[in-house]
C-alpha cells in the first residue's frame, strides 16, 4: 500500500489512539497531532521562540550543557547532518536554560505558557 501523507492523530478520539500512534511511528517515524488543545496562537509563538533559539550563534547555543547524552544542545554534524536539538528537559527548566542562552522576557513567558498549557 502506497503512503499518501503523514498520519494525522486526532487526540479527541479516545478509541484506538495508542494503536494509531504506534502504527504511525512504525510506518513513518512521525505523525501530525490535531485537537490537542494548544491554542494556535500559542503554537505559533512557541515556533517563533524555538526558531530564534536555533538562530543563535553556536557559541551561545553551546552554553546549554547537560551531562546526560542528548539532553543539552546537539549541533548538526557529520553523524547527524539534518538534526539539531536542545534537550527536552529544557522545556521545563527555569532560569538555567533561559539564563545560559540569554532568553528574552517574552521568550521566557512564551516557553512557560506553552509548558503549563500542555500539562508538563
Protein backbone atom coordinates (compact mmCIF):
# COMPACT_ATOMS: atom_id res chain seq x y z
CA UNK A 1 0.00 0.00 0.00
CA UNK A 2 1.44 3.38 -1.01
CA UNK A 3 1.93 6.09 1.57
CA UNK A 4 -0.23 9.12 0.88
CA UNK A 5 0.76 11.52 3.65
CA UNK A 6 2.00 11.79 7.18
CA UNK A 7 -0.53 10.18 9.53
CA UNK A 8 -2.84 12.52 11.43
CA UNK A 9 -3.69 11.59 15.01
CA UNK A 10 -6.86 13.16 16.43
CA UNK A 11 -6.37 13.47 20.19
CA UNK A 12 -10.13 13.78 20.76
CA UNK A 13 -10.66 10.22 19.52
CA UNK A 14 -10.20 8.00 22.55
CA UNK A 15 -10.61 4.65 20.79
CA UNK A 16 -7.55 3.00 19.25
CA UNK A 17 -5.40 6.07 19.90
CA UNK A 18 -2.46 4.04 21.17
CA UNK A 19 -2.57 1.70 18.19
CA UNK A 20 -2.72 4.62 15.74
CA UNK A 21 0.33 6.25 17.34
CA UNK A 22 2.34 3.01 17.32
CA UNK A 23 1.41 2.34 13.69
CA UNK A 24 2.35 5.90 12.67
CA UNK A 25 5.75 5.57 14.32
CA UNK A 26 6.37 2.15 12.83
CA UNK A 27 5.43 3.21 9.30
CA UNK A 28 6.51 6.84 9.22
CA UNK A 29 8.54 7.60 12.34
CA UNK A 30 6.32 10.64 12.99
CA UNK A 31 2.76 11.91 12.90
CA UNK A 32 0.77 15.14 12.97
CA UNK A 33 -1.33 15.66 16.08
CA UNK A 34 -4.63 17.59 15.92
CA UNK A 35 -7.23 18.58 18.52
CA UNK A 36 -4.62 18.61 21.27
CA UNK A 37 -5.97 21.71 22.99
CA UNK A 38 -2.99 24.02 22.48
CA UNK A 39 -4.25 27.34 21.12
CA UNK A 40 -2.98 28.04 17.58
CA UNK A 41 -1.61 31.46 18.61
CA UNK A 42 0.47 29.89 21.38
CA UNK A 43 1.78 27.24 18.97
CA UNK A 44 2.80 29.97 16.52
CA UNK A 45 4.52 31.97 19.27
CA UNK A 46 6.39 28.89 20.50
CA UNK A 47 7.55 28.06 16.97
CA UNK A 48 8.91 31.61 16.67
CA UNK A 49 10.72 31.31 20.01
CA UNK A 50 12.24 27.94 19.12
CA UNK A 51 13.34 29.21 15.69
CA UNK A 52 15.03 32.18 17.35
CA UNK A 53 16.95 29.84 19.68
CA UNK A 54 18.23 27.84 16.72
CA UNK A 55 19.25 31.11 15.03
CA UNK A 56 21.55 32.00 17.94
CA UNK A 57 25.29 31.77 17.33
CA UNK A 58 26.69 28.32 18.13
CA UNK A 59 28.82 29.68 20.98
CA UNK A 60 25.62 30.77 22.75
CA UNK A 61 23.72 27.56 21.92
CA UNK A 62 26.63 25.53 23.29
CA UNK A 63 26.02 27.05 26.73
CA UNK A 64 23.10 24.60 27.01
CA UNK A 65 25.04 21.73 28.51
CA UNK A 66 23.95 18.70 30.47
CA UNK A 67 25.87 15.62 31.49
CA UNK A 68 23.36 13.09 30.10
CA UNK A 69 23.76 12.30 26.40
CA UNK A 70 21.20 14.07 24.24
CA UNK A 71 19.98 16.36 26.98
CA UNK A 72 21.84 19.55 26.10
CA UNK A 73 22.38 21.30 22.81
CA UNK A 74 23.24 18.92 19.95
CA UNK A 75 24.62 20.59 16.84
CA UNK A 76 24.48 19.38 13.30
CA UNK A 77 27.48 17.34 12.24
CA UNK A 78 28.73 14.54 10.06
CA UNK A 79 26.82 11.90 12.00
CA UNK A 80 23.63 13.98 12.19
CA UNK A 81 23.60 16.48 9.28
CA UNK A 82 19.82 17.03 9.42
CA UNK A 83 19.41 17.16 13.18
CA UNK A 84 20.00 19.92 15.69
CA UNK A 85 18.34 19.99 19.10
CA UNK A 86 18.04 21.33 22.58
CA UNK A 87 17.30 18.74 25.26
CA UNK A 88 13.65 18.05 26.13
CA UNK A 89 14.34 18.84 29.78
CA UNK A 90 14.75 22.46 28.71
CA UNK A 91 11.03 23.00 28.22
CA UNK A 92 10.50 22.66 31.96
CA UNK A 93 13.68 24.24 33.26
CA UNK A 94 13.53 27.76 34.51
CA UNK A 95 16.48 30.06 34.86
CA UNK A 96 19.37 27.75 33.91
CA UNK A 97 18.31 27.24 30.31
CA UNK A 98 16.96 30.74 29.80
CA UNK A 99 19.88 32.40 31.57
CA UNK A 100 22.51 30.40 29.72
CA UNK A 101 21.03 31.38 26.35
CA UNK A 102 20.18 34.99 27.26
CA UNK A 103 16.49 34.31 26.54
CA UNK A 104 14.31 37.44 26.50
CA UNK A 105 11.41 38.08 28.87
CA UNK A 106 8.92 37.40 26.05
CA UNK A 107 10.65 34.14 25.14
CA UNK A 108 10.61 33.05 28.81
CA UNK A 109 6.92 33.89 29.09
CA UNK A 110 6.05 32.01 25.89
CA UNK A 111 8.07 28.96 26.96
CA UNK A 112 6.45 28.94 30.41
CA UNK A 113 2.97 29.44 28.94
CA UNK A 114 3.49 26.60 26.45
CA UNK A 115 4.85 24.37 29.21
CA UNK A 116 1.93 24.94 31.58
CA UNK A 117 -0.70 24.85 28.81
CA UNK A 118 0.45 21.36 27.79
CA UNK A 119 0.30 19.87 31.27
CA UNK A 120 4.04 19.25 31.58
